[in-house]
Amino acid sequence: MHTYGDYTLSENKEGMISEVDALLHNSKDIINNIDKHKANITAYEEILKTLNPVYAKEQERDTAITDLSNRVDNIQDSLDRLEILLRRDKDTSSTQQ
């Protein structure tokens, strides 16, 4: 069996079966360990924040930007709902005259 980047060549069917079986098990292992890796990411980020003040400030800035973006979105939603109510009120007023 020979591997070239993303490609694998095999001289026989058994070799290809073995390779595909290994790829299948690898993918299943990855899927089964997603929660573990998500927890690792959280822990690694906390460690980096402790060890690297620049990283900590970047994370703090990114969180603040995300929070502000969410607040702006909420304000926009409120304005859209207010506009709808004002249009309804205007339409109701003009049909009653």
C-alpha atoms as a PDB file:
ATOM      1  CA  MET A   1       0.000   0.000   0.000  1.00  0.00           C
ATOM      2  CA  HIS A   2       1.230   3.488  -0.878  1.00  0.00           C
ATOM      3  CA  THR A   3      -0.105   6.819   0.352  1.00  0.00           C
ATOM      4  CA  TYR A   4       0.340  10.056  -1.566  1.00  0.00           C
ATOM      5  CA  GLY A   5      -1.211  12.984   0.283  1.00  0.00           C
ATOM      6  CA  ASP A   6      -4.936  12.290   0.397  1.00  0.00           C
ATOM      7  CA  TYR A   7      -4.685   9.313  -1.955  1.00  0.00           C
ATOM      8  CA  THR A   8      -3.949   5.702  -1.106  1.00  0.00           C
ATOM      9  CA  LEU A   9      -3.083   3.034  -3.640  1.00  0.00           C
ATOM     10  CA  SER A  10      -3.312  -0.623  -2.793  1.00  0.00           C
ATOM     11  CA  GLU A  11      -2.216  -3.683  -4.705  1.00  0.00           C
ATOM     12  CA  ASN A  12      -5.044  -5.776  -3.261  1.00  0.00           C
ATOM     13  CA  LYS A  13      -8.565  -5.561  -1.933  1.00  0.00           C
ATOM     14  CA  GLU A  14      -7.581  -6.592   1.606  1.00  0.00           C
ATOM     15  CA  GLY A  15      -5.160  -3.686   1.902  1.00  0.00           C
ATOM     16  CA  MET A  16      -7.855  -1.236   0.832  1.00  0.00           C
ATOM     17  CA  ILE A  17     -10.355  -2.772   3.279  1.00  0.00           C
ATOM     18  CA  SER A  18      -7.824  -2.399   6.070  1.00  0.00           C
ATOM     19  CA  GLU A  19      -7.167   1.245   5.175  1.00  0.00           C
ATOM     20  CA  VAL A  20     -10.864   2.152   4.937  1.00  0.00           C
ATOM     21  CA  ASP A  21     -11.532   0.337   8.236  1.00  0.00           C
ATOM     22  CA  ALA A  22      -8.772   2.377   9.913  1.00  0.00           C
ATOM     23  CA  LEU A  23     -10.227   5.607   8.508  1.00  0.00           C
ATOM     24  CA  LEU A  24     -13.690   4.604   9.757  1.00  0.00           C
ATOM     25  CA  HIS A  25     -12.407   3.926  13.285  1.00  0.00           C
ATOM     26  CA  ASN A  26     -10.457   7.193  13.278  1.00  0.00           C
ATOM     27  CA  SER A  27     -13.557   9.178  12.293  1.00  0.00           C
ATOM     28  CA  LYS A  28     -15.671   7.414  14.924  1.00  0.00           C
ATOM     29  CA  ASP A  29     -13.038   8.182  17.572  1.00  0.00           C
ATOM     30  CA  ILE A  30     -13.107  11.840  16.592  1.00  0.00           C
ATOM     31  CA  ILE A  31     -16.905  11.980  16.815  1.00  0.00           C
ATOM     32  CA  ASN A  32     -16.940  10.154  20.152  1.00  0.00           C
ATOM     33  CA  ASN A  33     -14.443  12.601  21.658  1.00  0.00           C
ATOM     34  CA  ILE A  34     -15.997  15.907  20.613  1.00  0.00           C
ATOM     35  CA  ASP A  35     -17.165  16.781  24.146  1.00  0.00           C
ATOM     36  CA  LYS A  36     -13.729  15.994  25.561  1.00  0.00           C
ATOM     37  CA  HIS A  37     -12.055  18.255  23.015  1.00  0.00           C
ATOM     38  CA  LYS A  38     -14.559  21.067  23.618  1.00  0.00           C
ATOM     39  CA  ALA A  39     -13.709  20.882  27.330  1.00  0.00           C
ATOM     40  CA  ASN A  40     -10.008  20.866  26.456  1.00  0.00           C
ATOM     41  CA  ILE A  41     -10.436  24.007  24.353  1.00  0.00           C
ATOM     42  CA  THR A  42     -12.080  25.802  27.277  1.00  0.00           C
ATOM     43  CA  ALA A  43      -9.286  24.713  29.628  1.00  0.00           C
ATOM     44  CA  TYR A  44      -6.541  25.649  27.148  1.00  0.00           C
ATOM     45  CA  GLU A  45      -8.083  29.079  26.600  1.00  0.00           C
ATOM     46  CA  GLU A  46      -8.133  29.705  30.357  1.00  0.00           C
ATOM     47  CA  ILE A  47      -4.501  28.632  30.635  1.00  0.00           C
ATOM     48  CA  LEU A  48      -3.542  30.941  27.751  1.00  0.00           C
ATOM     49  CA  LYS A  49      -5.385  33.833  29.404  1.00  0.00           C
ATOM     50  CA  THR A  50      -3.344  33.247  32.548  1.00  0.00           C
ATOM     51  CA  LEU A  51      -0.022  32.885  30.759  1.00  0.00           C
ATOM     52  CA  ASN A  52      -0.437  35.476  28.018  1.00  0.00           C
ATOM     53  CA  PRO A  53      -1.935  38.879  28.886  1.00  0.00           C
ATOM     54  CA  VAL A  54      -2.157  39.817  25.184  1.00  0.00           C
ATOM     55  CA  TYR A  55      -4.299  36.738  24.509  1.00  0.00           C
ATOM     56  CA  ALA A  56      -6.461  37.579  27.531  1.00  0.00           C
ATOM     57  CA  LYS A  57      -7.054  41.123  26.245  1.00  0.00           C
ATOM     58  CA  GLU A  58      -7.868  39.821  22.754  1.00  0.00           C
ATOM     59  CA  GLN A  59     -10.415  37.392  24.188  1.00  0.00           C
ATOM     60  CA  GLU A  60     -11.898  40.131  26.358  1.00  0.00           C
ATOM     61  CA  ARG A  61     -12.145  42.428  23.326  1.00  0.00           C
ATOM     62  CA  ASP A  62     -13.733  39.705  21.193  1.00  0.00           C
ATOM     63  CA  THR A  63     -16.299  38.982  23.917  1.00  0.00           C
ATOM     64  CA  ALA A  64     -17.117  42.690  24.252  1.00  0.00           C
ATOM     65  CA  ILE A  65     -17.551  43.017  20.478  1.00  0.00           C
ATOM     66  CA  THR A  66     -19.843  39.989  20.375  1.00  0.00           C
ATOM     67  CA  ASP A  67     -21.902  41.360  23.266  1.00  0.00           C
ATOM     68  CA  LEU A  68     -22.203  44.760  21.594  1.00  0.00           C
ATOM     69  CA  SER A  69     -23.176  43.149  18.311  1.00  0.00           C
ATOM     70  CA  ASN A  70     -25.917  41.166  20.061  1.00  0.00           C
ATOM     71  CA  ARG A  71     -27.186  44.314  21.775  1.00  0.00           C
ATOM     72  CA  VAL A  72     -27.283  46.194  18.468  1.00  0.00           C
ATOM     73  CA  ASP A  73     -29.207  43.289  16.912  1.00  0.00           C
ATOM     74  CA  ASN A  74     -31.710  43.406  19.790  1.00  0.00           C
ATOM     75  CA  ILE A  75     -32.118  47.162  19.378  1.00  0.00           C
ATOM     76  CA  GLN A  76     -32.666  46.715  15.644  1.00  0.00           C
ATOM     77  CA  ASP A  77     -35.316  44.066  16.313  1.00  0.00           C
ATOM     78  CA  SER A  78     -37.059  46.414  18.747  1.00  0.00           C
ATOM     79  CA  LEU A  79     -36.971  49.257  16.217  1.00  0.00           C
ATOM     80  CA  ASP A  80     -38.377  46.975  13.519  1.00  0.00           C
ATOM     81  CA  ARG A  81     -41.245  45.939  15.807  1.00  0.00           C
ATOM     82  CA  LEU A  82     -41.873  49.583  16.751  1.00  0.00           C
ATOM     83  CA  GLU A  83     -41.956  50.568  13.091  1.00  0.00           C
ATOM     84  CA  ILE A  84     -44.536  47.859  12.391  1.00  0.00           C
ATOM     85  CA  LEU A  85     -46.691  49.063  15.290  1.00  0.00           C
ATOM     86  CA  LEU A  86     -46.455  52.685  14.164  1.00  0.00           C
ATOM     87  CA  ARG A  87     -47.430  51.747  10.618  1.00  0.00           C
ATOM     88  CA  ARG A  88     -50.411  49.771  11.906  1.00  0.00           C
ATOM     89  CA  ASP A  89     -51.450  52.710  14.071  1.00  0.00           C
ATOM     90  CA  LYS A  90     -51.065  55.105  11.123  1.00  0.00           C
ATOM     91  CA  ASP A  91     -53.067  52.797   8.838  1.00  0.00           C
ATOM     92  CA  THR A  92     -55.766  52.418  11.478  1.00  0.00           C
ATOM     93  CA  SER A  93     -55.946  56.211  11.986  1.00  0.00           C
ATOM     94  CA  SER A  94     -56.157  56.963   8.271  1.00  0.00           C
ATOM     95  CA  THR A  95     -58.959  54.445   7.668  1.00  0.00           C
ATOM     96  CA  GLN A  96     -61.018  55.857  10.553  1.00  0.00           C
ATOM     97  CA  GLN A  97     -61.008  59.403   9.152  1.00  0.00           C
END
